[in-house]
Amino acid sequence: MVTGLGWTPVGGETFAIEATQIPGKGRLILTGQLGSVMRESAQAGLSYARAYAARHGVKETFSHDDIHIHVPSGAVKKDGPSAGIAMTTALVSLLLKKLVKKEVCMTGEVTLRGRVMEIGD
């Protein structure tokens, strides 16, 4: 689980991003009230995590199992690129089996090469 920080019209809010690996066929499952930009961020994060595994000799089973990312947020729709690094971190955490400190909150778009882009003005 990773804590993300997103912009809202009234300032900002933190939200949890959960990732788990389950037996399946290599699908990416996304749940929660996610808009198209957040869905794209999740796909980019998965691509980065797979590339990271290949470069660092980490055994990667994402292609054989399903990966489920969930953003529990009730009925509040979430969208925007600011969750990219949080989603990517959740996936790399899952891949490496290392926990992320809950006190750490992150925001920023992530590139396929893992570069974190600033958000907003």
C-alpha atoms as a PDB file:
ATOM      1  CA  MET A   1       0.000   0.000   0.000  1.00  0.00           C
ATOM      2  CA  VAL A   2       1.250   3.459  -0.918  1.00  0.00           C
ATOM      3  CA  THR A   3      -0.051   6.913   0.002  1.00  0.00           C
ATOM      4  CA  GLY A   4      -0.630   9.270  -2.900  1.00  0.00           C
ATOM      5  CA  LEU A   5      -1.326  12.979  -2.898  1.00  0.00           C
ATOM      6  CA  GLY A   6      -3.733  14.470  -5.411  1.00  0.00           C
ATOM      7  CA  TRP A   7      -4.918  17.939  -6.329  1.00  0.00           C
ATOM      8  CA  THR A   8      -8.567  18.811  -5.738  1.00  0.00           C
ATOM      9  CA  PRO A   9     -10.539  22.045  -6.237  1.00  0.00           C
ATOM     10  CA  VAL A  10     -10.364  22.618  -2.467  1.00  0.00           C
ATOM     11  CA  GLY A  11      -6.636  22.018  -2.099  1.00  0.00           C
ATOM     12  CA  GLY A  12      -5.564  18.410  -2.059  1.00  0.00           C
ATOM     13  CA  GLU A  13      -6.073  15.066  -0.442  1.00  0.00           C
ATOM     14  CA  THR A  14      -4.189  11.909   0.334  1.00  0.00           C
ATOM     15  CA  PHE A  15      -5.418   8.533  -0.832  1.00  0.00           C
ATOM     16  CA  ALA A  16      -4.298   4.931  -0.544  1.00  0.00           C
ATOM     17  CA  ILE A  17      -3.201   2.855  -3.510  1.00  0.00           C
ATOM     18  CA  GLU A  18      -3.209  -0.901  -2.975  1.00  0.00           C
ATOM     19  CA  ALA A  19      -1.563  -3.453  -5.244  1.00  0.00           C
ATOM     20  CA  THR A  20      -1.712  -7.218  -5.041  1.00  0.00           C
ATOM     21  CA  GLN A  21      -0.683 -10.149  -7.192  1.00  0.00           C
ATOM     22  CA  ILE A  22      -3.107 -13.043  -7.712  1.00  0.00           C
ATOM     23  CA  PRO A  23      -3.117 -16.183  -9.856  1.00  0.00           C
ATOM     24  CA  GLY A  24      -4.386 -15.337 -13.310  1.00  0.00           C
ATOM     25  CA  LYS A  25      -3.337 -14.678 -16.881  1.00  0.00           C
ATOM     26  CA  GLY A  26      -1.185 -11.554 -16.739  1.00  0.00           C
ATOM     27  CA  ARG A  27      -4.014  -9.014 -16.693  1.00  0.00           C
ATOM     28  CA  LEU A  28      -3.939  -5.588 -15.067  1.00  0.00           C
ATOM     29  CA  ILE A  29      -7.095  -5.105 -13.006  1.00  0.00           C
ATOM     30  CA  LEU A  30      -7.942  -1.547 -11.922  1.00  0.00           C
ATOM     31  CA  THR A  31     -10.703  -0.752  -9.446  1.00  0.00           C
ATOM     32  CA  GLY A  32     -11.896   2.345  -7.643  1.00  0.00           C
ATOM     33  CA  GLN A  33     -13.269   5.503  -9.201  1.00  0.00           C
ATOM     34  CA  LEU A  34     -10.367   5.950 -11.641  1.00  0.00           C
ATOM     35  CA  GLY A  35     -10.389   8.219 -14.665  1.00  0.00           C
ATOM     36  CA  SER A  36      -8.582   7.520 -17.922  1.00  0.00           C
ATOM     37  CA  VAL A  37      -5.382   9.373 -16.918  1.00  0.00           C
ATOM     38  CA  MET A  38      -4.995   7.310 -13.735  1.00  0.00           C
ATOM     39  CA  ARG A  39      -5.598   4.129 -15.755  1.00  0.00           C
ATOM     40  CA  GLU A  40      -2.809   5.162 -18.118  1.00  0.00           C
ATOM     41  CA  SER A  41      -0.535   5.875 -15.145  1.00  0.00           C
ATOM     42  CA  ALA A  42      -1.164   2.368 -13.823  1.00  0.00           C
ATOM     43  CA  GLN A  43      -0.247   0.819 -17.189  1.00  0.00           C
ATOM     44  CA  ALA A  44       2.920   2.938 -17.408  1.00  0.00           C
ATOM     45  CA  GLY A  45       3.818   1.929 -13.857  1.00  0.00           C
ATOM     46  CA  LEU A  46       3.419  -1.751 -14.693  1.00  0.00           C
ATOM     47  CA  SER A  47       5.632  -1.381 -17.761  1.00  0.00           C
ATOM     48  CA  TYR A  48       8.280   0.349 -15.666  1.00  0.00           C
ATOM     49  CA  ALA A  49       8.125  -2.338 -12.947  1.00  0.00           C
ATOM     50  CA  ARG A  50       8.600  -5.084 -15.547  1.00  0.00           C
ATOM     51  CA  ALA A  51      11.536  -3.261 -17.146  1.00  0.00           C
ATOM     52  CA  TYR A  52      13.063  -2.666 -13.697  1.00  0.00           C
ATOM     53  CA  ALA A  53      12.845  -6.374 -12.940  1.00  0.00           C
ATOM     54  CA  ALA A  54      14.525  -7.280 -16.223  1.00  0.00           C
ATOM     55  CA  ARG A  55      17.380  -4.788 -15.712  1.00  0.00           C
ATOM     56  CA  HIS A  56      18.061  -5.843 -12.117  1.00  0.00           C
ATOM     57  CA  GLY A  57      17.681  -9.616 -12.444  1.00  0.00           C
ATOM     58  CA  VAL A  58      14.566  -9.728 -10.263  1.00  0.00           C
ATOM     59  CA  LYS A  59      12.357 -12.732 -10.906  1.00  0.00           C
ATOM     60  CA  GLU A  60       9.169 -11.245 -12.304  1.00  0.00           C
ATOM     61  CA  THR A  61       5.921 -13.215 -12.359  1.00  0.00           C
ATOM     62  CA  PHE A  62       3.649 -10.330 -13.333  1.00  0.00           C
ATOM     63  CA  SER A  63       3.233 -11.827 -16.818  1.00  0.00           C
ATOM     64  CA  HIS A  64       1.806 -15.058 -15.329  1.00  0.00           C
ATOM     65  CA  ASP A  65      -0.312 -13.584 -12.545  1.00  0.00           C
ATOM     66  CA  ASP A  66      -2.932 -10.853 -12.515  1.00  0.00           C
ATOM     67  CA  ILE A  67      -2.007  -7.557 -10.883  1.00  0.00           C
ATOM     68  CA  HIS A  68      -4.825  -5.760  -9.118  1.00  0.00           C
ATOM     69  CA  ILE A  69      -4.519  -2.068  -8.259  1.00  0.00           C
ATOM     70  CA  HIS A  70      -7.264  -0.590  -6.122  1.00  0.00           C
ATOM     71  CA  VAL A  71      -7.771   3.006  -5.042  1.00  0.00           C
ATOM     72  CA  PRO A  72     -10.404   2.915  -2.313  1.00  0.00           C
ATOM     73  CA  SER A  73     -12.111   6.267  -2.458  1.00  0.00           C
ATOM     74  CA  GLY A  74     -15.799   5.690  -2.021  1.00  0.00           C
ATOM     75  CA  ALA A  75     -17.809   7.368  -4.752  1.00  0.00           C
ATOM     76  CA  VAL A  76     -15.299  10.176  -5.352  1.00  0.00           C
ATOM     77  CA  LYS A  77     -13.841   9.936  -8.862  1.00  0.00           C
ATOM     78  CA  LYS A  78     -10.060  10.293  -9.064  1.00  0.00           C
ATOM     79  CA  ASP A  79      -8.166  11.331 -12.150  1.00  0.00           C
ATOM     80  CA  GLY A  80      -4.955  13.044 -13.118  1.00  0.00           C
ATOM     81  CA  PRO A  81      -1.290  12.177 -13.543  1.00  0.00           C
ATOM     82  CA  SER A  82      -0.275  12.927  -9.954  1.00  0.00           C
ATOM     83  CA  ALA A  83      -0.823   9.312  -8.869  1.00  0.00           C
ATOM     84  CA  GLY A  84       1.703   7.943 -11.361  1.00  0.00           C
ATOM     85  CA  ILE A  85       4.657   7.675  -8.993  1.00  0.00           C
ATOM     86  CA  ALA A  86       2.504   6.278  -6.184  1.00  0.00           C
ATOM     87  CA  MET A  87       1.098   3.567  -8.480  1.00  0.00           C
ATOM     88  CA  THR A  88       4.559   2.759  -9.805  1.00  0.00           C
ATOM     89  CA  THR A  89       5.956   2.576  -6.276  1.00  0.00           C
ATOM     90  CA  ALA A  90       3.132   0.231  -5.238  1.00  0.00           C
ATOM     91  CA  LEU A  91       3.995  -2.080  -8.141  1.00  0.00           C
ATOM     92  CA  VAL A  92       7.754  -2.043  -7.499  1.00  0.00           C
ATOM     93  CA  SER A  93       7.053  -2.623  -3.791  1.00  0.00           C
ATOM     94  CA  LEU A  94       4.968  -5.659  -4.753  1.00  0.00           C
ATOM     95  CA  LEU A  95       7.657  -6.902  -7.126  1.00  0.00           C
ATOM     96  CA  LEU A  96      10.472  -6.552  -4.564  1.00  0.00           C
ATOM     97  CA  LYS A  97       8.284  -7.618  -1.620  1.00  0.00           C
ATOM     98  CA  LYS A  98       9.335  -4.501   0.303  1.00  0.00           C
ATOM     99  CA  LEU A  99       6.953  -2.313   2.261  1.00  0.00           C
ATOM    100  CA  VAL A 100       6.675   1.425   1.724  1.00  0.00           C
ATOM    101  CA  LYS A 101       6.525   3.563   4.859  1.00  0.00           C
ATOM    102  CA  LYS A 102       2.983   4.796   5.408  1.00  0.00           C
ATOM    103  CA  GLU A 103       4.308   8.194   6.489  1.00  0.00           C
ATOM    104  CA  VAL A 104       5.660   8.794   2.975  1.00  0.00           C
ATOM    105  CA  CYS A 105       3.234  10.546   0.639  1.00  0.00           C
ATOM    106  CA  MET A 106       4.070  11.056  -3.023  1.00  0.00           C
ATOM    107  CA  THR A 107       2.782  12.899  -6.052  1.00  0.00           C
ATOM    108  CA  GLY A 108       4.007  13.208  -9.605  1.00  0.00           C
ATOM    109  CA  GLU A 109       3.679  11.715 -13.030  1.00  0.00           C
ATOM    110  CA  VAL A 110       6.134   8.952 -13.908  1.00  0.00           C
ATOM    111  CA  THR A 111       7.717   8.197 -17.274  1.00  0.00           C
ATOM    112  CA  LEU A 112       8.393   4.741 -18.692  1.00  0.00           C
ATOM    113  CA  ARG A 113      12.026   5.197 -17.632  1.00  0.00           C
ATOM    114  CA  GLY A 114      11.061   5.986 -14.036  1.00  0.00           C
ATOM    115  CA  ARG A 115      11.589   9.733 -14.148  1.00  0.00           C
ATOM    116  CA  VAL A 116       9.205  11.625 -11.852  1.00  0.00           C
ATOM    117  CA  MET A 117       7.666  14.692 -13.466  1.00  0.00           C
ATOM    118  CA  GLU A 118       6.397  17.646 -11.492  1.00  0.00           C
ATOM    119  CA  ILE A 119       2.687  18.306 -11.370  1.00  0.00           C
ATOM    120  CA  GLY A 120       0.903  21.570 -12.034  1.00  0.00           C
ATOM    121  CA  ASP A 121       2.351  25.043 -12.062  1.00  0.00           C
END
